[in-house]
């Protein structure tokens, strides 16, 4: 799983997360999600489970500016985390990371991709809707600060006759 997506036209490189990236990713996690940040050890534990996990980073000359992770236990894949630093939002990095995660879910045979998103994060919700995710449930007061989580699902296996979404494209 050492494959990378390679450089993008805007100078962003998408690649697999390594153990050496974890301190930087954890510092970003603490900054971006202060109420719900994962502890450093959780990233290390996740990276060690290569048969069911894949973690990516987005990197520029400025360093790591985004990261994302997927857990896949067939037939369900779950987006564990996805984040882009605010200074780099709006440049397609989140979309590129999500595209790779969805591709990984397909490669691993998932029929559905699930995720939780904060009810107070419309920017992330719009990203997921653009990819064809639909809200299927609400977990009340899921986050430590009492905010609800919206549970969203992308069906990768569609009944015949249904249209395609951006996630269906290679």
N, C-alpha and C. Protein backbone atom coordinates (compact mmCIF):
# COMPACT_ATOMS: atom_id res chain seq x y z
N UNK A 1 0.81 -1.20 0.00
CA UNK A 1 0.00 0.00 0.00
C UNK A 1 0.85 1.25 0.00
N UNK A 2 1.99 1.21 -0.63
CA UNK A 2 2.88 2.36 -0.68
C UNK A 2 2.54 3.29 -1.83
N UNK A 3 1.45 3.03 -2.52
CA UNK A 3 1.11 3.86 -3.65
C UNK A 3 0.72 5.26 -3.20
N UNK A 4 1.01 6.20 -4.05
CA UNK A 4 0.61 7.59 -3.79
C UNK A 4 -0.17 8.08 -4.98
N UNK A 5 -0.88 9.13 -4.77
CA UNK A 5 -1.61 9.74 -5.87
C UNK A 5 -0.70 10.65 -6.68
N UNK A 6 0.46 10.96 -6.13
CA UNK A 6 1.40 11.80 -6.82
C UNK A 6 1.04 13.27 -6.73
N UNK A 7 1.86 14.10 -7.37
CA UNK A 7 1.62 15.54 -7.28
C UNK A 7 0.41 15.96 -8.10
N UNK A 8 -0.26 16.96 -7.60
CA UNK A 8 -1.37 17.58 -8.31
C UNK A 8 -0.85 18.85 -8.97
N UNK A 9 -1.64 19.43 -9.83
CA UNK A 9 -1.24 20.63 -10.57
C UNK A 9 -0.92 21.79 -9.63
N UNK A 10 -1.55 21.82 -8.45
CA UNK A 10 -1.34 22.94 -7.53
C UNK A 10 -0.18 22.70 -6.56
N UNK A 11 0.62 21.67 -6.81
CA UNK A 11 1.78 21.42 -5.95
C UNK A 11 1.49 20.60 -4.72
N UNK A 12 0.27 20.10 -4.58
CA UNK A 12 -0.08 19.26 -3.43
C UNK A 12 0.24 17.81 -3.78
N UNK A 13 0.91 17.12 -2.88
CA UNK A 13 1.20 15.71 -3.06
C UNK A 13 0.32 14.93 -2.10
N UNK A 14 -0.37 13.94 -2.62
CA UNK A 14 -1.17 13.04 -1.81
C UNK A 14 -0.41 11.72 -1.71
N UNK A 15 -0.20 11.26 -0.48
CA UNK A 15 0.57 10.04 -0.29
C UNK A 15 0.09 9.33 0.97
N UNK A 16 0.53 8.09 1.12
CA UNK A 16 0.20 7.33 2.31
C UNK A 16 0.87 7.96 3.54
N UNK A 17 0.13 7.99 4.64
CA UNK A 17 0.67 8.48 5.91
C UNK A 17 1.68 7.46 6.43
N UNK A 18 2.77 7.95 7.01
CA UNK A 18 3.77 7.08 7.63
C UNK A 18 3.81 7.37 9.13
N UNK A 19 4.48 6.51 9.86
CA UNK A 19 4.65 6.71 11.30
C UNK A 19 5.37 8.04 11.55
N UNK A 20 6.29 8.41 10.67
CA UNK A 20 7.01 9.68 10.83
C UNK A 20 6.10 10.90 10.71
N UNK A 21 4.96 10.74 10.03
CA UNK A 21 4.00 11.84 9.86
C UNK A 21 3.12 12.04 11.09
N UNK A 22 3.02 11.04 11.95
CA UNK A 22 2.05 11.07 13.04
C UNK A 22 2.21 12.26 13.97
N UNK A 23 3.41 12.64 14.41
CA UNK A 23 3.49 13.82 15.28
C UNK A 23 2.92 15.09 14.63
N UNK A 24 3.20 15.29 13.35
CA UNK A 24 2.68 16.47 12.65
C UNK A 24 1.16 16.38 12.50
N UNK A 25 0.67 15.21 12.10
CA UNK A 25 -0.77 15.02 11.95
C UNK A 25 -1.47 15.20 13.29
N UNK A 26 -0.87 14.68 14.35
CA UNK A 26 -1.47 14.83 15.66
C UNK A 26 -1.52 16.30 16.09
N UNK A 27 -0.49 17.06 15.78
CA UNK A 27 -0.50 18.49 16.11
C UNK A 27 -1.63 19.20 15.34
N UNK A 28 -1.82 18.83 14.08
CA UNK A 28 -2.93 19.40 13.30
C UNK A 28 -4.27 18.98 13.89
N UNK A 29 -4.37 17.72 14.29
CA UNK A 29 -5.60 17.20 14.90
C UNK A 29 -5.97 18.01 16.14
N UNK A 30 -4.98 18.28 16.98
CA UNK A 30 -5.23 19.05 18.21
C UNK A 30 -5.69 20.46 17.88
N UNK A 31 -5.11 21.03 16.82
CA UNK A 31 -5.47 22.39 16.40
C UNK A 31 -6.86 22.45 15.78
N UNK A 32 -7.17 21.47 14.91
CA UNK A 32 -8.40 21.51 14.15
C UNK A 32 -9.62 20.99 14.91
N UNK A 33 -9.39 20.06 15.83
CA UNK A 33 -10.50 19.43 16.55
C UNK A 33 -10.23 19.44 18.05
N UNK A 34 -10.08 20.60 18.64
CA UNK A 34 -9.67 20.65 20.05
C UNK A 34 -10.60 19.90 21.01
N UNK A 35 -11.89 19.88 20.73
CA UNK A 35 -12.83 19.20 21.64
C UNK A 35 -12.85 17.69 21.42
N UNK A 36 -12.47 17.24 20.23
CA UNK A 36 -12.62 15.83 19.88
C UNK A 36 -11.35 15.20 19.31
N UNK A 37 -10.21 15.81 19.56
CA UNK A 37 -8.97 15.33 18.95
C UNK A 37 -8.61 13.93 19.39
N UNK A 38 -8.13 13.15 18.44
CA UNK A 38 -7.62 11.83 18.75
C UNK A 38 -6.29 11.97 19.49
N UNK A 39 -6.00 11.08 20.41
CA UNK A 39 -4.67 11.06 21.01
C UNK A 39 -3.66 10.52 19.99
N UNK A 40 -2.42 10.88 20.15
CA UNK A 40 -1.36 10.45 19.24
C UNK A 40 -1.35 8.93 19.08
N UNK A 41 -1.52 8.21 20.16
CA UNK A 41 -1.46 6.74 20.11
C UNK A 41 -2.54 6.16 19.19
N UNK A 42 -3.66 6.84 19.08
CA UNK A 42 -4.73 6.33 18.21
C UNK A 42 -4.28 6.33 16.75
N UNK A 43 -3.57 7.37 16.34
CA UNK A 43 -3.05 7.39 14.97
C UNK A 43 -2.06 6.24 14.77
N UNK A 44 -1.20 6.02 15.74
CA UNK A 44 -0.23 4.93 15.63
C UNK A 44 -0.95 3.58 15.55
N UNK A 45 -1.96 3.40 16.38
CA UNK A 45 -2.73 2.16 16.37
C UNK A 45 -3.43 1.96 15.02
N UNK A 46 -4.02 3.03 14.50
CA UNK A 46 -4.70 2.94 13.21
C UNK A 46 -3.73 2.57 12.09
N UNK A 47 -2.58 3.21 12.06
CA UNK A 47 -1.60 2.94 11.01
C UNK A 47 -1.09 1.50 11.04
N UNK A 48 -1.10 0.90 12.20
CA UNK A 48 -0.58 -0.47 12.33
C UNK A 48 -1.55 -1.52 11.79
N UNK A 49 -2.77 -1.14 11.49
CA UNK A 49 -3.79 -2.09 11.05
C UNK A 49 -4.00 -2.02 9.53
N UNK A 50 -2.95 -2.34 8.80
CA UNK A 50 -2.96 -2.16 7.34
C UNK A 50 -3.95 -3.06 6.61
N UNK A 51 -4.37 -4.15 7.22
CA UNK A 51 -5.32 -5.01 6.52
C UNK A 51 -6.72 -4.42 6.47
N UNK A 52 -7.01 -3.48 7.37
CA UNK A 52 -8.36 -2.87 7.39
C UNK A 52 -8.33 -1.35 7.33
N UNK A 53 -7.16 -0.73 7.27
CA UNK A 53 -7.07 0.73 7.31
C UNK A 53 -6.19 1.26 6.19
N UNK A 54 -6.45 2.53 5.83
CA UNK A 54 -5.56 3.29 4.95
C UNK A 54 -5.65 4.75 5.35
N UNK A 55 -4.50 5.35 5.57
CA UNK A 55 -4.40 6.76 5.96
C UNK A 55 -3.52 7.49 4.95
N UNK A 56 -3.93 8.70 4.63
CA UNK A 56 -3.27 9.52 3.63
C UNK A 56 -2.94 10.89 4.21
N UNK A 57 -1.95 11.55 3.61
CA UNK A 57 -1.68 12.94 3.92
C UNK A 57 -1.63 13.72 2.62
N UNK A 58 -1.93 15.01 2.73
CA UNK A 58 -1.77 15.97 1.64
C UNK A 58 -0.64 16.88 2.07
N UNK A 59 0.36 17.01 1.21
CA UNK A 59 1.57 17.73 1.58
C UNK A 59 1.93 18.77 0.51
N UNK A 60 2.40 19.92 0.98
CA UNK A 60 2.90 20.97 0.10
C UNK A 60 4.30 21.33 0.57
N UNK A 61 4.89 22.33 -0.05
CA UNK A 61 6.19 22.83 0.42
C UNK A 61 6.10 23.32 1.86
N UNK A 62 4.89 23.70 2.29
CA UNK A 62 4.67 24.19 3.66
C UNK A 62 4.56 23.04 4.66
N UNK A 63 4.50 21.79 4.18
CA UNK A 63 4.35 20.63 5.06
C UNK A 63 3.00 19.97 4.86
N UNK A 64 2.59 19.17 5.83
CA UNK A 64 1.31 18.46 5.75
C UNK A 64 0.19 19.46 6.00
N UNK A 65 -0.76 19.48 5.05
CA UNK A 65 -1.88 20.43 5.14
C UNK A 65 -3.23 19.72 5.21
N UNK A 66 -3.22 18.40 5.16
CA UNK A 66 -4.45 17.64 5.25
C UNK A 66 -4.15 16.18 5.49
N UNK A 67 -5.17 15.47 5.95
CA UNK A 67 -5.01 14.04 6.18
C UNK A 67 -6.39 13.40 6.18
N UNK A 68 -6.40 12.09 5.97
CA UNK A 68 -7.67 11.36 5.93
C UNK A 68 -7.39 9.89 6.19
N UNK A 69 -8.42 9.20 6.69
CA UNK A 69 -8.26 7.78 6.96
C UNK A 69 -9.55 7.02 6.75
N UNK A 70 -9.39 5.75 6.39
CA UNK A 70 -10.51 4.87 6.11
C UNK A 70 -10.30 3.55 6.82
N UNK A 71 -11.38 3.03 7.38
CA UNK A 71 -11.41 1.66 7.89
C UNK A 71 -12.37 0.89 6.99
N UNK A 72 -11.97 -0.29 6.56
CA UNK A 72 -12.84 -1.09 5.73
C UNK A 72 -12.86 -2.52 6.24
N UNK A 73 -14.02 -2.93 6.71
CA UNK A 73 -14.27 -4.32 7.07
C UNK A 73 -15.49 -4.70 6.24
N UNK A 74 -15.22 -5.42 5.17
CA UNK A 74 -16.23 -5.73 4.18
C UNK A 74 -17.53 -6.21 4.82
N UNK A 75 -18.68 -5.67 4.41
CA UNK A 75 -18.92 -4.85 3.23
C UNK A 75 -19.00 -3.35 3.52
N UNK A 76 -18.57 -2.90 4.71
CA UNK A 76 -18.71 -1.50 5.08
C UNK A 76 -17.34 -0.83 5.19
N UNK A 77 -17.23 0.35 4.63
CA UNK A 77 -16.06 1.20 4.84
C UNK A 77 -16.52 2.40 5.65
N UNK A 78 -15.63 2.91 6.48
CA UNK A 78 -15.97 4.05 7.32
C UNK A 78 -14.85 5.09 7.22
N UNK A 79 -15.21 6.30 6.84
CA UNK A 79 -14.25 7.39 6.85
C UNK A 79 -14.00 7.73 8.31
N UNK A 80 -12.81 7.43 8.77
CA UNK A 80 -12.46 7.64 10.17
C UNK A 80 -12.18 9.10 10.48
N UNK A 81 -11.52 9.77 9.54
CA UNK A 81 -11.17 11.17 9.71
C UNK A 81 -10.84 11.78 8.35
N UNK A 82 -11.08 13.06 8.24
CA UNK A 82 -10.65 13.82 7.06
C UNK A 82 -10.55 15.27 7.50
N UNK A 83 -9.44 15.89 7.19
CA UNK A 83 -9.22 17.27 7.63
C UNK A 83 -8.27 17.99 6.68
N UNK A 84 -8.52 19.28 6.52
CA UNK A 84 -7.65 20.16 5.76
C UNK A 84 -7.49 21.43 6.58
N UNK A 85 -6.26 21.91 6.71
CA UNK A 85 -6.06 23.13 7.48
C UNK A 85 -6.79 24.29 6.81
N UNK A 86 -7.36 25.20 7.61
CA UNK A 86 -8.18 26.28 7.05
C UNK A 86 -7.47 27.10 5.96
N UNK A 87 -6.19 27.30 6.10
CA UNK A 87 -5.45 28.10 5.11
C UNK A 87 -5.43 27.44 3.73
N UNK A 88 -5.73 26.16 3.65
CA UNK A 88 -5.70 25.43 2.38
C UNK A 88 -7.08 24.93 1.95
N UNK A 89 -8.13 25.31 2.68
CA UNK A 89 -9.49 24.92 2.29
C UNK A 89 -9.85 25.59 0.97
N UNK A 90 -10.76 24.96 0.24
CA UNK A 90 -11.24 25.53 -1.01
C UNK A 90 -10.33 25.28 -2.20
N UNK A 91 -9.31 24.45 -2.03
CA UNK A 91 -8.38 24.14 -3.12
C UNK A 91 -8.56 22.73 -3.66
N UNK A 92 -9.60 22.04 -3.23
CA UNK A 92 -9.86 20.70 -3.73
C UNK A 92 -9.11 19.59 -3.01
N UNK A 93 -8.43 19.93 -1.92
CA UNK A 93 -7.66 18.91 -1.20
C UNK A 93 -8.58 17.91 -0.52
N UNK A 94 -9.61 18.40 0.14
CA UNK A 94 -10.56 17.50 0.78
C UNK A 94 -11.23 16.59 -0.24
N UNK A 95 -11.59 17.13 -1.38
CA UNK A 95 -12.19 16.32 -2.45
C UNK A 95 -11.23 15.26 -2.95
N UNK A 96 -9.97 15.64 -3.11
CA UNK A 96 -8.97 14.68 -3.59
C UNK A 96 -8.75 13.56 -2.58
N UNK A 97 -8.68 13.91 -1.30
CA UNK A 97 -8.51 12.90 -0.25
C UNK A 97 -9.72 11.96 -0.22
N UNK A 98 -10.92 12.54 -0.28
CA UNK A 98 -12.14 11.74 -0.24
C UNK A 98 -12.23 10.82 -1.47
N UNK A 99 -11.84 11.31 -2.62
CA UNK A 99 -11.83 10.49 -3.83
C UNK A 99 -10.94 9.27 -3.65
N UNK A 100 -9.76 9.48 -3.07
CA UNK A 100 -8.86 8.35 -2.84
C UNK A 100 -9.43 7.37 -1.82
N UNK A 101 -10.06 7.88 -0.77
CA UNK A 101 -10.66 6.99 0.23
C UNK A 101 -11.79 6.15 -0.39
N UNK A 102 -12.62 6.78 -1.21
CA UNK A 102 -13.71 6.05 -1.86
C UNK A 102 -13.13 4.99 -2.80
N UNK A 103 -12.09 5.35 -3.53
CA UNK A 103 -11.43 4.38 -4.39
C UNK A 103 -10.87 3.21 -3.60
N UNK A 104 -10.31 3.50 -2.45
CA UNK A 104 -9.79 2.44 -1.57
C UNK A 104 -10.92 1.55 -1.07
N UNK A 105 -12.04 2.15 -0.71
CA UNK A 105 -13.20 1.37 -0.27
C UNK A 105 -13.66 0.42 -1.38
N UNK A 106 -13.70 0.91 -2.60
CA UNK A 106 -14.08 0.07 -3.74
C UNK A 106 -13.07 -1.07 -3.92
N UNK A 107 -11.79 -0.73 -3.86
CA UNK A 107 -10.72 -1.72 -4.04
C UNK A 107 -10.84 -2.84 -3.01
N UNK A 108 -11.26 -2.47 -1.81
CA UNK A 108 -11.38 -3.45 -0.72
C UNK A 108 -12.74 -4.15 -0.70
N UNK A 109 -13.60 -3.85 -1.67
CA UNK A 109 -14.86 -4.57 -1.81
C UNK A 109 -16.02 -4.04 -0.99
N UNK A 110 -15.93 -2.81 -0.52
CA UNK A 110 -17.02 -2.24 0.28
C UNK A 110 -18.24 -1.96 -0.61
N UNK A 111 -19.42 -2.16 -0.03
CA UNK A 111 -20.65 -1.81 -0.71
C UNK A 111 -21.15 -0.44 -0.32
N UNK A 112 -20.78 0.00 0.89
CA UNK A 112 -21.18 1.31 1.41
C UNK A 112 -20.00 1.97 2.10
N UNK A 113 -19.99 3.29 2.05
CA UNK A 113 -19.05 4.09 2.83
C UNK A 113 -19.87 4.93 3.80
N UNK A 114 -19.55 4.84 5.08
CA UNK A 114 -20.23 5.61 6.12
C UNK A 114 -19.29 6.65 6.69
N UNK A 115 -19.86 7.68 7.30
CA UNK A 115 -19.08 8.67 8.02
C UNK A 115 -19.97 9.42 8.98
N UNK A 116 -19.34 10.03 9.97
CA UNK A 116 -20.04 10.96 10.86
C UNK A 116 -19.50 12.35 10.57
N UNK A 117 -20.39 13.33 10.57
CA UNK A 117 -19.98 14.72 10.38
C UNK A 117 -20.74 15.57 11.39
N UNK A 118 -20.04 16.56 11.91
CA UNK A 118 -20.69 17.44 12.88
C UNK A 118 -21.86 18.17 12.23
N UNK A 119 -22.96 18.26 12.97
CA UNK A 119 -24.14 18.96 12.48
C UNK A 119 -23.86 20.45 12.26
N UNK A 120 -22.84 20.98 12.93
CA UNK A 120 -22.50 22.40 12.78
C UNK A 120 -21.36 22.63 11.79
N UNK A 121 -21.13 21.69 10.87
CA UNK A 121 -20.07 21.83 9.87
C UNK A 121 -20.67 21.73 8.46
N UNK A 122 -21.34 22.80 8.01
CA UNK A 122 -22.00 22.74 6.70
C UNK A 122 -21.02 22.59 5.54
N UNK A 123 -19.80 23.10 5.67
CA UNK A 123 -18.82 22.97 4.58
C UNK A 123 -18.52 21.49 4.31
N UNK A 124 -18.28 20.73 5.37
CA UNK A 124 -18.00 19.30 5.20
C UNK A 124 -19.24 18.57 4.69
N UNK A 125 -20.41 18.92 5.21
CA UNK A 125 -21.64 18.28 4.75
C UNK A 125 -21.83 18.48 3.25
N UNK A 126 -21.55 19.68 2.76
CA UNK A 126 -21.70 19.96 1.33
C UNK A 126 -20.73 19.13 0.50
N UNK A 127 -19.50 18.96 0.99
CA UNK A 127 -18.54 18.11 0.30
C UNK A 127 -19.11 16.70 0.14
N UNK A 128 -19.60 16.14 1.23
CA UNK A 128 -20.11 14.78 1.19
C UNK A 128 -21.34 14.67 0.29
N UNK A 129 -22.22 15.65 0.33
CA UNK A 129 -23.39 15.64 -0.55
C UNK A 129 -22.98 15.68 -2.02
N UNK A 130 -21.96 16.47 -2.35
CA UNK A 130 -21.47 16.52 -3.74
C UNK A 130 -20.97 15.16 -4.21
N UNK A 131 -20.47 14.35 -3.31
CA UNK A 131 -19.98 13.02 -3.66
C UNK A 131 -21.09 11.97 -3.66
N UNK A 132 -22.31 12.37 -3.33
CA UNK A 132 -23.42 11.44 -3.36
C UNK A 132 -23.78 10.81 -2.03
N UNK A 133 -23.15 11.26 -0.94
CA UNK A 133 -23.52 10.77 0.38
C UNK A 133 -24.92 11.28 0.71
N UNK A 134 -25.65 10.50 1.49
CA UNK A 134 -26.96 10.92 1.97
C UNK A 134 -26.98 10.76 3.49
N UNK A 135 -27.70 11.65 4.14
CA UNK A 135 -27.84 11.54 5.59
C UNK A 135 -28.82 10.42 5.89
N UNK A 136 -28.40 9.50 6.79
CA UNK A 136 -29.27 8.37 7.11
C UNK A 136 -29.66 8.33 8.59
N UNK A 137 -29.02 9.12 9.42
CA UNK A 137 -29.30 9.06 10.85
C UNK A 137 -28.68 10.27 11.54
N UNK A 138 -29.13 10.55 12.75
CA UNK A 138 -28.52 11.58 13.61
C UNK A 138 -28.18 10.93 14.93
N UNK A 139 -26.95 11.13 15.38
CA UNK A 139 -26.56 10.70 16.73
C UNK A 139 -26.55 11.94 17.60
N UNK A 140 -27.53 12.03 18.45
CA UNK A 140 -27.68 13.20 19.32
C UNK A 140 -26.51 13.32 20.29
N UNK A 141 -26.01 14.54 20.41
CA UNK A 141 -24.95 14.88 21.36
C UNK A 141 -23.76 13.91 21.28
N UNK A 142 -23.38 13.56 20.07
CA UNK A 142 -22.32 12.58 19.82
C UNK A 142 -20.94 13.13 20.21
N UNK A 143 -20.72 14.39 19.91
CA UNK A 143 -19.40 14.98 20.18
C UNK A 143 -19.33 15.48 21.61
N UNK A 144 -18.11 15.56 22.11
CA UNK A 144 -17.89 15.92 23.52
C UNK A 144 -18.51 17.25 23.91
N UNK A 145 -18.60 18.18 22.95
CA UNK A 145 -19.19 19.48 23.27
C UNK A 145 -20.71 19.50 23.07
N UNK A 146 -21.32 18.32 22.87
CA UNK A 146 -22.77 18.22 22.78
C UNK A 146 -23.36 18.37 21.40
N UNK A 147 -22.54 18.57 20.38
CA UNK A 147 -23.04 18.72 19.02
C UNK A 147 -23.44 17.35 18.47
N UNK A 148 -24.54 17.34 17.70
CA UNK A 148 -25.00 16.11 17.07
C UNK A 148 -24.06 15.69 15.94
N UNK A 149 -24.05 14.40 15.65
CA UNK A 149 -23.36 13.86 14.48
C UNK A 149 -24.40 13.44 13.46
N UNK A 150 -24.19 13.83 12.23
CA UNK A 150 -25.02 13.34 11.13
C UNK A 150 -24.32 12.12 10.56
N UNK A 151 -25.02 11.02 10.46
CA UNK A 151 -24.47 9.81 9.87
C UNK A 151 -24.83 9.85 8.39
N UNK A 152 -23.81 9.72 7.55
CA UNK A 152 -24.02 9.79 6.11
C UNK A 152 -23.50 8.52 5.46
N UNK A 153 -24.14 8.15 4.34
CA UNK A 153 -23.78 6.92 3.64
C UNK A 153 -23.68 7.18 2.14
N UNK A 154 -22.66 6.58 1.56
CA UNK A 154 -22.52 6.53 0.11
C UNK A 154 -22.64 5.07 -0.29
N UNK A 155 -23.63 4.76 -1.11
CA UNK A 155 -23.79 3.39 -1.60
C UNK A 155 -22.91 3.20 -2.82
N UNK A 156 -21.96 2.28 -2.73
CA UNK A 156 -21.06 2.02 -3.84
C UNK A 156 -21.65 1.02 -4.82
N UNK A 157 -22.51 0.16 -4.34
CA UNK A 157 -23.20 -0.79 -5.21
C UNK A 157 -24.62 -0.29 -5.37
N UNK A 158 -24.95 0.08 -6.58
CA UNK A 158 -26.25 0.68 -6.86
C UNK A 158 -27.13 -0.30 -7.63
N UNK A 159 -28.42 -0.32 -7.32
CA UNK A 159 -29.34 -1.12 -8.13
C UNK A 159 -29.32 -0.62 -9.57
N UNK A 160 -29.54 -1.51 -10.52
CA UNK A 160 -29.56 -1.15 -11.94
C UNK A 160 -30.56 -0.03 -12.18
N UNK A 161 -30.17 0.90 -13.06
CA UNK A 161 -31.06 1.97 -13.44
C UNK A 161 -30.87 3.27 -12.68
N UNK A 162 -30.12 3.23 -11.59
CA UNK A 162 -29.88 4.47 -10.86
C UNK A 162 -28.71 5.20 -11.49
N UNK A 163 -28.73 6.51 -11.41
CA UNK A 163 -27.69 7.33 -12.00
C UNK A 163 -26.36 7.20 -11.26
N UNK A 164 -25.35 7.79 -11.85
CA UNK A 164 -24.02 7.78 -11.25
C UNK A 164 -23.79 9.08 -10.50
N UNK A 165 -22.82 9.06 -9.62
CA UNK A 165 -22.40 10.25 -8.88
C UNK A 165 -20.93 10.48 -9.14
N UNK A 166 -20.40 11.56 -8.64
CA UNK A 166 -18.99 11.85 -8.76
C UNK A 166 -18.15 10.70 -8.19
N UNK A 167 -18.66 10.05 -7.15
CA UNK A 167 -17.93 8.94 -6.52
C UNK A 167 -17.86 7.72 -7.43
N UNK A 168 -18.73 7.63 -8.44
CA UNK A 168 -18.72 6.49 -9.35
C UNK A 168 -17.63 6.64 -10.41
N UNK A 169 -17.07 7.81 -10.54
CA UNK A 169 -16.06 8.05 -11.56
C UNK A 169 -14.71 7.55 -11.07
N UNK A 170 -13.87 7.06 -11.98
CA UNK A 170 -12.55 6.55 -11.58
C UNK A 170 -11.66 7.63 -11.03
